[in-house]
Amino acid sequence: MKLSTKGKYGVRALFEIARNYGKGPLAIKEIAERQRISLSYLEQILHRLGKAGIIESVRGPHGGYELARKPVELTIGDVVRALEGPIALSHCLEPGATDGCYQAEDCVARMVWSKVGEKIEEALDSITFEQLLRQYHGKDREHPVHRKKLVAAGKGVC
């Protein structure tokens, strides 16, 4: 299972919004700059996160995006499901995919992938943005926008 750039960038963008929690909305341009995400791609991601009720947009000269819930109430799993859909390690685990499958109830492989998928969801749902913020602030870091650009895109970028 590979997470698409949509899921990875979504987590990174939401982390920036969470870093600004309680300080007002964060402008999309600032999120894009800090995380080096294309503005047009970020717009698509934030639109989906808004439709999922994870973030809210604020219009106006000091507008931008803010969390719809507290960082402690928001998990990585929420973001991944909003952007990637249900976590299914096999096509037969996707909603409605067992229609017409004569082995769905007795398939050993399906049972294995289902169990592994449950553990992945458990792990993603156990990580809150509050935890990420505490972990991030506990380390001596400079802001990402000040770091040298090492890799432009593709492999090596998460």
N, C-alpha and C. Protein backbone atom coordinates (compact mmCIF):
# COMPACT_ATOMS: atom_id res chain seq x y z
N MET A 1 0.85 -1.18 0.00
CA MET A 1 0.00 0.00 0.00
C MET A 1 0.89 1.24 0.00
N LYS A 2 0.65 2.12 -0.92
CA LYS A 2 1.36 3.38 -0.98
C LYS A 2 0.36 4.51 -0.82
N LEU A 3 0.74 5.48 -0.03
CA LEU A 3 -0.06 6.67 0.13
C LEU A 3 0.27 7.60 -1.03
N SER A 4 -0.74 8.19 -1.65
CA SER A 4 -0.49 9.10 -2.77
C SER A 4 0.04 10.44 -2.23
N THR A 5 0.51 11.27 -3.14
CA THR A 5 0.98 12.60 -2.73
C THR A 5 -0.17 13.40 -2.13
N LYS A 6 -1.38 13.12 -2.56
CA LYS A 6 -2.54 13.82 -2.02
C LYS A 6 -2.63 13.59 -0.51
N GLY A 7 -2.49 12.35 -0.08
CA GLY A 7 -2.54 12.03 1.34
C GLY A 7 -1.36 12.60 2.11
N LYS A 8 -0.16 12.46 1.54
CA LYS A 8 1.04 12.97 2.21
C LYS A 8 1.00 14.49 2.32
N TYR A 9 0.67 15.16 1.23
CA TYR A 9 0.61 16.62 1.25
C TYR A 9 -0.52 17.11 2.14
N GLY A 10 -1.61 16.35 2.18
CA GLY A 10 -2.73 16.72 3.04
C GLY A 10 -2.35 16.72 4.51
N VAL A 11 -1.59 15.72 4.93
CA VAL A 11 -1.13 15.66 6.32
C VAL A 11 -0.20 16.84 6.60
N ARG A 12 0.70 17.13 5.66
CA ARG A 12 1.64 18.23 5.84
C ARG A 12 0.91 19.58 5.90
N ALA A 13 -0.06 19.77 5.03
CA ALA A 13 -0.81 21.03 5.01
C ALA A 13 -1.61 21.19 6.30
N LEU A 14 -2.23 20.11 6.74
CA LEU A 14 -3.02 20.18 7.96
C LEU A 14 -2.14 20.43 9.17
N PHE A 15 -0.93 19.91 9.14
CA PHE A 15 0.01 20.17 10.23
C PHE A 15 0.30 21.67 10.31
N GLU A 16 0.47 22.33 9.18
CA GLU A 16 0.71 23.78 9.17
C GLU A 16 -0.48 24.52 9.75
N ILE A 17 -1.68 24.10 9.37
CA ILE A 17 -2.89 24.75 9.89
C ILE A 17 -2.99 24.50 11.40
N ALA A 18 -2.65 23.30 11.84
CA ALA A 18 -2.67 22.97 13.27
C ALA A 18 -1.63 23.79 14.04
N ARG A 19 -0.50 24.05 13.43
CA ARG A 19 0.53 24.87 14.08
C ARG A 19 0.02 26.27 14.35
N ASN A 20 -0.93 26.70 13.57
CA ASN A 20 -1.49 28.04 13.69
C ASN A 20 -2.77 28.05 14.53
N TYR A 21 -3.14 26.92 15.10
CA TYR A 21 -4.40 26.77 15.84
C TYR A 21 -4.51 27.82 16.95
N GLY A 22 -5.65 28.49 16.98
CA GLY A 22 -5.90 29.51 18.01
C GLY A 22 -5.36 30.88 17.65
N LYS A 23 -4.70 31.02 16.52
CA LYS A 23 -4.12 32.30 16.11
C LYS A 23 -4.86 32.90 14.92
N GLY A 24 -5.92 32.25 14.48
CA GLY A 24 -6.67 32.74 13.33
C GLY A 24 -6.34 31.94 12.08
N PRO A 25 -7.01 32.25 10.98
CA PRO A 25 -6.82 31.50 9.75
C PRO A 25 -5.41 31.67 9.17
N LEU A 26 -4.97 30.65 8.47
CA LEU A 26 -3.66 30.66 7.82
C LEU A 26 -3.88 30.72 6.31
N ALA A 27 -3.22 31.65 5.67
CA ALA A 27 -3.38 31.85 4.22
C ALA A 27 -2.83 30.66 3.44
N ILE A 28 -3.52 30.31 2.37
CA ILE A 28 -3.11 29.18 1.54
C ILE A 28 -1.71 29.37 0.98
N LYS A 29 -1.39 30.61 0.65
CA LYS A 29 -0.06 30.90 0.09
C LYS A 29 1.03 30.56 1.11
N GLU A 30 0.76 30.85 2.37
CA GLU A 30 1.74 30.56 3.42
C GLU A 30 1.89 29.05 3.63
N ILE A 31 0.79 28.33 3.58
CA ILE A 31 0.84 26.87 3.71
C ILE A 31 1.66 26.29 2.57
N ALA A 32 1.36 26.73 1.36
CA ALA A 32 2.06 26.23 0.16
C ALA A 32 3.55 26.53 0.25
N GLU A 33 3.89 27.72 0.69
CA GLU A 33 5.30 28.12 0.78
C GLU A 33 6.03 27.31 1.85
N ARG A 34 5.42 27.20 3.02
CA ARG A 34 6.07 26.47 4.12
C ARG A 34 6.31 25.00 3.80
N GLN A 35 5.35 24.40 3.10
CA GLN A 35 5.45 22.97 2.83
C GLN A 35 5.87 22.66 1.40
N ARG A 36 6.14 23.69 0.62
CA ARG A 36 6.58 23.52 -0.77
C ARG A 36 5.61 22.63 -1.57
N ILE A 37 4.36 23.04 -1.51
CA ILE A 37 3.30 22.34 -2.24
C ILE A 37 2.75 23.31 -3.28
N SER A 38 2.54 22.85 -4.49
CA SER A 38 1.98 23.69 -5.54
C SER A 38 0.64 24.26 -5.09
N LEU A 39 0.45 25.54 -5.33
CA LEU A 39 -0.76 26.23 -4.90
C LEU A 39 -2.02 25.60 -5.49
N SER A 40 -1.99 25.25 -6.77
CA SER A 40 -3.18 24.68 -7.41
C SER A 40 -3.50 23.29 -6.83
N TYR A 41 -2.47 22.50 -6.56
CA TYR A 41 -2.69 21.17 -5.97
C TYR A 41 -3.19 21.31 -4.54
N LEU A 42 -2.63 22.25 -3.81
CA LEU A 42 -3.04 22.49 -2.43
C LEU A 42 -4.50 22.93 -2.36
N GLU A 43 -4.94 23.73 -3.31
CA GLU A 43 -6.34 24.16 -3.36
C GLU A 43 -7.28 22.95 -3.44
N GLN A 44 -6.92 21.99 -4.28
CA GLN A 44 -7.74 20.77 -4.42
C GLN A 44 -7.79 20.00 -3.11
N ILE A 45 -6.64 19.87 -2.47
CA ILE A 45 -6.55 19.12 -1.21
C ILE A 45 -7.38 19.81 -0.13
N LEU A 46 -7.21 21.12 0.01
CA LEU A 46 -7.93 21.85 1.05
C LEU A 46 -9.43 21.85 0.79
N HIS A 47 -9.82 21.87 -0.48
CA HIS A 47 -11.25 21.78 -0.82
C HIS A 47 -11.84 20.47 -0.29
N ARG A 48 -11.13 19.37 -0.51
CA ARG A 48 -11.62 18.06 -0.04
C ARG A 48 -11.64 17.98 1.48
N LEU A 49 -10.64 18.56 2.13
CA LEU A 49 -10.61 18.56 3.60
C LEU A 49 -11.74 19.42 4.15
N GLY A 50 -12.08 20.48 3.44
CA GLY A 50 -13.21 21.32 3.84
C GLY A 50 -14.53 20.58 3.71
N LYS A 51 -14.71 19.88 2.58
CA LYS A 51 -15.94 19.11 2.36
C LYS A 51 -16.10 18.02 3.41
N ALA A 52 -14.97 17.50 3.92
CA ALA A 52 -15.01 16.44 4.93
C ALA A 52 -15.21 17.01 6.34
N GLY A 53 -15.26 18.35 6.46
CA GLY A 53 -15.49 18.96 7.77
C GLY A 53 -14.25 18.99 8.66
N ILE A 54 -13.08 18.87 8.06
CA ILE A 54 -11.83 18.85 8.83
C ILE A 54 -11.28 20.26 9.00
N ILE A 55 -11.46 21.09 7.99
CA ILE A 55 -11.03 22.49 8.06
C ILE A 55 -12.17 23.39 7.65
N GLU A 56 -12.03 24.67 7.98
CA GLU A 56 -13.00 25.68 7.56
C GLU A 56 -12.25 26.80 6.86
N SER A 57 -12.87 27.37 5.85
CA SER A 57 -12.24 28.50 5.17
C SER A 57 -12.86 29.79 5.69
N VAL A 58 -12.02 30.81 5.79
CA VAL A 58 -12.45 32.12 6.25
C VAL A 58 -12.15 33.09 5.12
N ARG A 59 -13.16 33.80 4.67
CA ARG A 59 -13.00 34.75 3.57
C ARG A 59 -12.55 36.11 4.10
N GLY A 60 -12.02 36.89 3.18
CA GLY A 60 -11.67 38.26 3.53
C GLY A 60 -10.17 38.50 3.48
N PRO A 61 -9.77 39.75 3.74
CA PRO A 61 -8.36 40.11 3.62
C PRO A 61 -7.45 39.35 4.58
N HIS A 62 -7.95 38.94 5.71
CA HIS A 62 -7.14 38.17 6.67
C HIS A 62 -7.66 36.73 6.74
N GLY A 63 -8.21 36.28 5.63
CA GLY A 63 -8.80 34.94 5.57
C GLY A 63 -7.77 33.86 5.37
N GLY A 64 -8.28 32.67 5.27
CA GLY A 64 -7.42 31.50 5.08
C GLY A 64 -8.14 30.26 5.58
N TYR A 65 -7.38 29.37 6.17
CA TYR A 65 -7.94 28.10 6.63
C TYR A 65 -7.60 27.88 8.10
N GLU A 66 -8.55 27.26 8.79
CA GLU A 66 -8.33 26.88 10.19
C GLU A 66 -9.00 25.53 10.44
N LEU A 67 -8.57 24.88 11.51
CA LEU A 67 -9.13 23.58 11.85
C LEU A 67 -10.59 23.73 12.26
N ALA A 68 -11.40 22.76 11.91
CA ALA A 68 -12.80 22.74 12.31
C ALA A 68 -12.95 22.11 13.70
N ARG A 69 -11.90 21.41 14.14
CA ARG A 69 -11.89 20.78 15.47
C ARG A 69 -10.55 21.07 16.13
N LYS A 70 -10.45 20.77 17.40
CA LYS A 70 -9.20 20.94 18.12
C LYS A 70 -8.19 19.91 17.61
N PRO A 71 -6.88 20.25 17.65
CA PRO A 71 -5.85 19.30 17.19
C PRO A 71 -5.91 17.94 17.90
N VAL A 72 -6.35 17.93 19.14
CA VAL A 72 -6.43 16.68 19.90
C VAL A 72 -7.57 15.78 19.39
N GLU A 73 -8.53 16.37 18.68
CA GLU A 73 -9.68 15.62 18.16
C GLU A 73 -9.51 15.20 16.71
N LEU A 74 -8.40 15.54 16.12
CA LEU A 74 -8.17 15.29 14.70
C LEU A 74 -7.01 14.32 14.52
N THR A 75 -7.25 13.23 13.79
CA THR A 75 -6.22 12.21 13.61
C THR A 75 -5.72 12.14 12.17
N ILE A 76 -4.59 11.48 12.02
CA ILE A 76 -4.04 11.24 10.68
C ILE A 76 -5.05 10.41 9.88
N GLY A 77 -5.70 9.47 10.52
CA GLY A 77 -6.71 8.64 9.85
C GLY A 77 -7.82 9.47 9.25
N ASP A 78 -8.26 10.52 9.95
CA ASP A 78 -9.31 11.41 9.43
C ASP A 78 -8.88 12.01 8.10
N VAL A 79 -7.64 12.47 8.05
CA VAL A 79 -7.12 13.12 6.85
C VAL A 79 -6.95 12.13 5.71
N VAL A 80 -6.36 10.98 6.01
CA VAL A 80 -6.11 9.96 4.98
C VAL A 80 -7.43 9.49 4.37
N ARG A 81 -8.42 9.20 5.19
CA ARG A 81 -9.71 8.75 4.66
C ARG A 81 -10.39 9.85 3.84
N ALA A 82 -10.29 11.11 4.28
CA ALA A 82 -10.91 12.21 3.54
C ALA A 82 -10.28 12.38 2.16
N LEU A 83 -8.98 12.14 2.06
CA LEU A 83 -8.28 12.37 0.79
C LEU A 83 -8.11 11.12 -0.06
N GLU A 84 -7.96 9.97 0.58
CA GLU A 84 -7.66 8.73 -0.15
C GLU A 84 -8.86 7.79 -0.24
N GLY A 85 -9.88 8.02 0.60
CA GLY A 85 -11.01 7.10 0.64
C GLY A 85 -10.75 6.02 1.68
N PRO A 86 -11.57 4.99 1.67
CA PRO A 86 -11.42 3.92 2.67
C PRO A 86 -10.07 3.22 2.52
N ILE A 87 -9.53 2.80 3.64
CA ILE A 87 -8.25 2.09 3.62
C ILE A 87 -8.56 0.62 3.32
N ALA A 88 -8.22 0.20 2.12
CA ALA A 88 -8.48 -1.17 1.68
C ALA A 88 -7.23 -1.69 1.00
N LEU A 89 -6.65 -2.75 1.55
CA LEU A 89 -5.41 -3.29 1.00
C LEU A 89 -5.63 -4.17 -0.22
N SER A 90 -6.87 -4.51 -0.46
CA SER A 90 -7.21 -5.33 -1.62
C SER A 90 -8.52 -4.81 -2.20
N HIS A 91 -8.67 -4.93 -3.50
CA HIS A 91 -9.89 -4.42 -4.13
C HIS A 91 -11.13 -5.08 -3.55
N CYS A 92 -11.02 -6.33 -3.06
CA CYS A 92 -12.20 -7.02 -2.54
C CYS A 92 -12.64 -6.48 -1.17
N LEU A 93 -11.85 -5.59 -0.57
CA LEU A 93 -12.22 -5.00 0.71
C LEU A 93 -12.86 -3.62 0.56
N GLU A 94 -12.91 -3.13 -0.66
CA GLU A 94 -13.56 -1.84 -0.91
C GLU A 94 -15.07 -2.02 -0.76
N PRO A 95 -15.75 -0.96 -0.29
CA PRO A 95 -17.21 -1.06 -0.10
C PRO A 95 -17.91 -1.53 -1.37
N GLY A 96 -18.74 -2.56 -1.23
CA GLY A 96 -19.52 -3.10 -2.34
C GLY A 96 -18.75 -4.01 -3.28
N ALA A 97 -17.48 -4.26 -3.02
CA ALA A 97 -16.66 -5.04 -3.95
C ALA A 97 -16.91 -6.54 -3.89
N THR A 98 -17.56 -7.02 -2.84
CA THR A 98 -17.78 -8.46 -2.74
C THR A 98 -19.02 -8.94 -3.48
N ASP A 99 -19.77 -8.01 -4.04
CA ASP A 99 -20.96 -8.40 -4.81
C ASP A 99 -20.54 -9.34 -5.94
N GLY A 100 -21.09 -10.50 -5.96
CA GLY A 100 -20.80 -11.46 -7.03
C GLY A 100 -19.58 -12.33 -6.77
N CYS A 101 -18.88 -12.10 -5.66
CA CYS A 101 -17.71 -12.93 -5.36
C CYS A 101 -18.18 -14.15 -4.57
N TYR A 102 -17.96 -15.31 -5.13
CA TYR A 102 -18.42 -16.54 -4.48
C TYR A 102 -17.56 -16.95 -3.29
N GLN A 103 -16.37 -16.36 -3.14
CA GLN A 103 -15.48 -16.74 -2.05
C GLN A 103 -15.38 -15.70 -0.93
N ALA A 104 -16.10 -14.63 -1.02
CA ALA A 104 -15.93 -13.51 -0.09
C ALA A 104 -15.96 -13.92 1.38
N GLU A 105 -16.86 -14.80 1.75
CA GLU A 105 -16.99 -15.18 3.16
C GLU A 105 -15.93 -16.17 3.62
N ASP A 106 -15.35 -16.94 2.70
CA ASP A 106 -14.39 -17.98 3.08
C ASP A 106 -12.97 -17.72 2.59
N CYS A 107 -12.69 -16.56 2.05
CA CYS A 107 -11.38 -16.29 1.47
C CYS A 107 -10.35 -15.97 2.55
N VAL A 108 -9.34 -16.79 2.65
CA VAL A 108 -8.29 -16.61 3.65
C VAL A 108 -7.50 -15.33 3.38
N ALA A 109 -7.16 -15.06 2.14
CA ALA A 109 -6.41 -13.85 1.80
C ALA A 109 -7.20 -12.60 2.21
N ARG A 110 -8.49 -12.61 1.94
CA ARG A 110 -9.35 -11.48 2.31
C ARG A 110 -9.35 -11.27 3.82
N MET A 111 -9.36 -12.37 4.58
CA MET A 111 -9.32 -12.26 6.04
C MET A 111 -8.00 -11.63 6.50
N VAL A 112 -6.90 -12.04 5.89
CA VAL A 112 -5.58 -11.51 6.25
C VAL A 112 -5.52 -10.02 5.95
N TRP A 113 -5.87 -9.62 4.72
CA TRP A 113 -5.77 -8.21 4.34
C TRP A 113 -6.74 -7.35 5.14
N SER A 114 -7.85 -7.91 5.52
CA SER A 114 -8.81 -7.18 6.35
C SER A 114 -8.20 -6.89 7.73
N LYS A 115 -7.57 -7.91 8.31
CA LYS A 115 -6.95 -7.77 9.63
C LYS A 115 -5.80 -6.75 9.58
N VAL A 116 -4.97 -6.82 8.56
CA VAL A 116 -3.86 -5.87 8.40
C VAL A 116 -4.40 -4.45 8.22
N GLY A 117 -5.44 -4.31 7.42
CA GLY A 117 -6.06 -3.00 7.20
C GLY A 117 -6.61 -2.41 8.49
N GLU A 118 -7.21 -3.26 9.33
CA GLU A 118 -7.73 -2.79 10.62
C GLU A 118 -6.60 -2.25 11.49
N LYS A 119 -5.45 -2.91 11.48
CA LYS A 119 -4.30 -2.47 12.28
C LYS A 119 -3.75 -1.14 11.75
N ILE A 120 -3.73 -0.98 10.44
CA ILE A 120 -3.27 0.28 9.84
C ILE A 120 -4.22 1.41 10.25
N GLU A 121 -5.52 1.16 10.15
CA GLU A 121 -6.50 2.18 10.56
C GLU A 121 -6.35 2.52 12.03
N GLU A 122 -6.15 1.50 12.86
CA GLU A 122 -5.94 1.72 14.29
C GLU A 122 -4.74 2.63 14.52
N ALA A 123 -3.65 2.35 13.82
CA ALA A 123 -2.43 3.16 13.98
C ALA A 123 -2.67 4.59 13.52
N LEU A 124 -3.30 4.78 12.36
CA LEU A 124 -3.55 6.12 11.85
C LEU A 124 -4.50 6.90 12.75
N ASP A 125 -5.47 6.20 13.33
CA ASP A 125 -6.44 6.85 14.21
C ASP A 125 -5.86 7.13 15.60
N SER A 126 -4.72 6.55 15.90
CA SER A 126 -4.13 6.76 17.23
C SER A 126 -3.19 7.96 17.25
N ILE A 127 -2.91 8.55 16.10
CA ILE A 127 -1.99 9.69 16.03
C ILE A 127 -2.80 10.96 15.82
N THR A 128 -2.80 11.82 16.83
CA THR A 128 -3.52 13.09 16.71
C THR A 128 -2.56 14.20 16.29
N PHE A 129 -3.12 15.27 15.79
CA PHE A 129 -2.29 16.41 15.42
C PHE A 129 -1.71 17.09 16.66
N GLU A 130 -2.40 16.96 17.78
CA GLU A 130 -1.86 17.46 19.05
C GLU A 130 -0.55 16.74 19.38
N GLN A 131 -0.52 15.43 19.21
CA GLN A 131 0.70 14.65 19.46
C GLN A 131 1.82 15.08 18.50
N LEU A 132 1.48 15.27 17.23
CA LEU A 132 2.48 15.69 16.26
C LEU A 132 3.06 17.06 16.62
N LEU A 133 2.19 17.97 17.04
CA LEU A 133 2.65 19.31 17.42
C LEU A 133 3.60 19.24 18.61
N ARG A 134 3.24 18.45 19.62
CA ARG A 134 4.11 18.32 20.80
C ARG A 134 5.45 17.71 20.42
N GLN A 135 5.42 16.68 19.60
CA GLN A 135 6.65 16.02 19.17
C GLN A 135 7.52 16.97 18.35
N TYR A 136 6.88 17.71 17.45
CA TYR A 136 7.60 18.64 16.58
C TYR A 136 8.23 19.77 17.40
N HIS A 137 7.47 20.33 18.32
CA HIS A 137 7.97 21.44 19.12
C HIS A 137 8.99 20.99 20.16
N GLY A 138 9.01 19.71 20.47
CA GLY A 138 9.97 19.18 21.42
C GLY A 138 11.37 19.05 20.83
N LYS A 139 11.49 19.21 19.53
CA LYS A 139 12.78 19.10 18.86
C LYS A 139 13.25 20.48 18.44
N ASP A 140 14.55 20.66 18.37
CA ASP A 140 15.12 21.93 17.94
C ASP A 140 15.06 21.98 16.42
N ARG A 141 14.11 22.74 15.88
CA ARG A 141 13.90 22.80 14.44
C ARG A 141 13.81 24.23 13.96
N GLU A 142 14.27 24.43 12.77
CA GLU A 142 14.02 25.71 12.12
C GLU A 142 12.80 25.52 11.23
N HIS A 143 12.16 26.59 10.88
CA HIS A 143 10.96 26.50 10.06
C HIS A 143 11.33 25.92 8.69
N PRO A 144 10.50 25.02 8.13
CA PRO A 144 10.81 24.36 6.86
C PRO A 144 11.10 25.30 5.70
N VAL A 145 10.54 26.48 5.70
CA VAL A 145 10.74 27.40 4.58
C VAL A 145 12.17 27.94 4.57
N HIS A 146 12.87 27.84 5.69
CA HIS A 146 14.24 28.35 5.78
C HIS A 146 15.29 27.30 5.43
N ARG A 147 14.89 26.06 5.31
CA ARG A 147 15.84 25.00 4.96
C ARG A 147 16.19 25.06 3.49
N LYS A 148 17.36 24.57 3.16
CA LYS A 148 17.77 24.52 1.75
C LYS A 148 16.90 23.51 1.03
N LYS A 149 16.63 23.78 -0.23
CA LYS A 149 15.83 22.87 -1.05
C LYS A 149 16.73 21.71 -1.49
N LEU A 150 16.44 20.51 -0.97
CA LEU A 150 17.26 19.35 -1.26
C LEU A 150 16.77 18.56 -2.47
N VAL A 151 15.48 18.33 -2.50
CA VAL A 151 14.88 17.55 -3.58
C VAL A 151 13.66 18.31 -4.06
N ALA A 152 13.55 18.48 -5.36
CA ALA A 152 12.44 19.26 -5.91
C ALA A 152 11.12 18.50 -5.85
N ALA A 153 11.13 17.26 -6.29
CA ALA A 153 9.88 16.50 -6.31
C ALA A 153 10.22 15.04 -6.55
N GLY A 154 9.19 14.21 -6.42
CA GLY A 154 9.37 12.79 -6.70
C GLY A 154 9.87 12.02 -5.50
N LYS A 155 10.66 11.00 -5.74
CA LYS A 155 11.15 10.15 -4.66
C LYS A 155 12.00 10.96 -3.71
N GLY A 156 11.87 10.65 -2.46
CA GLY A 156 12.63 11.39 -1.45
C GLY A 156 11.83 12.51 -0.83
N VAL A 157 10.65 12.80 -1.38
CA VAL A 157 9.80 13.85 -0.83
C VAL A 157 8.61 13.16 -0.16
N CYS A 158 8.36 13.52 1.10
CA CYS A 158 7.17 12.91 1.74
C CYS A 158 6.26 13.94 2.30
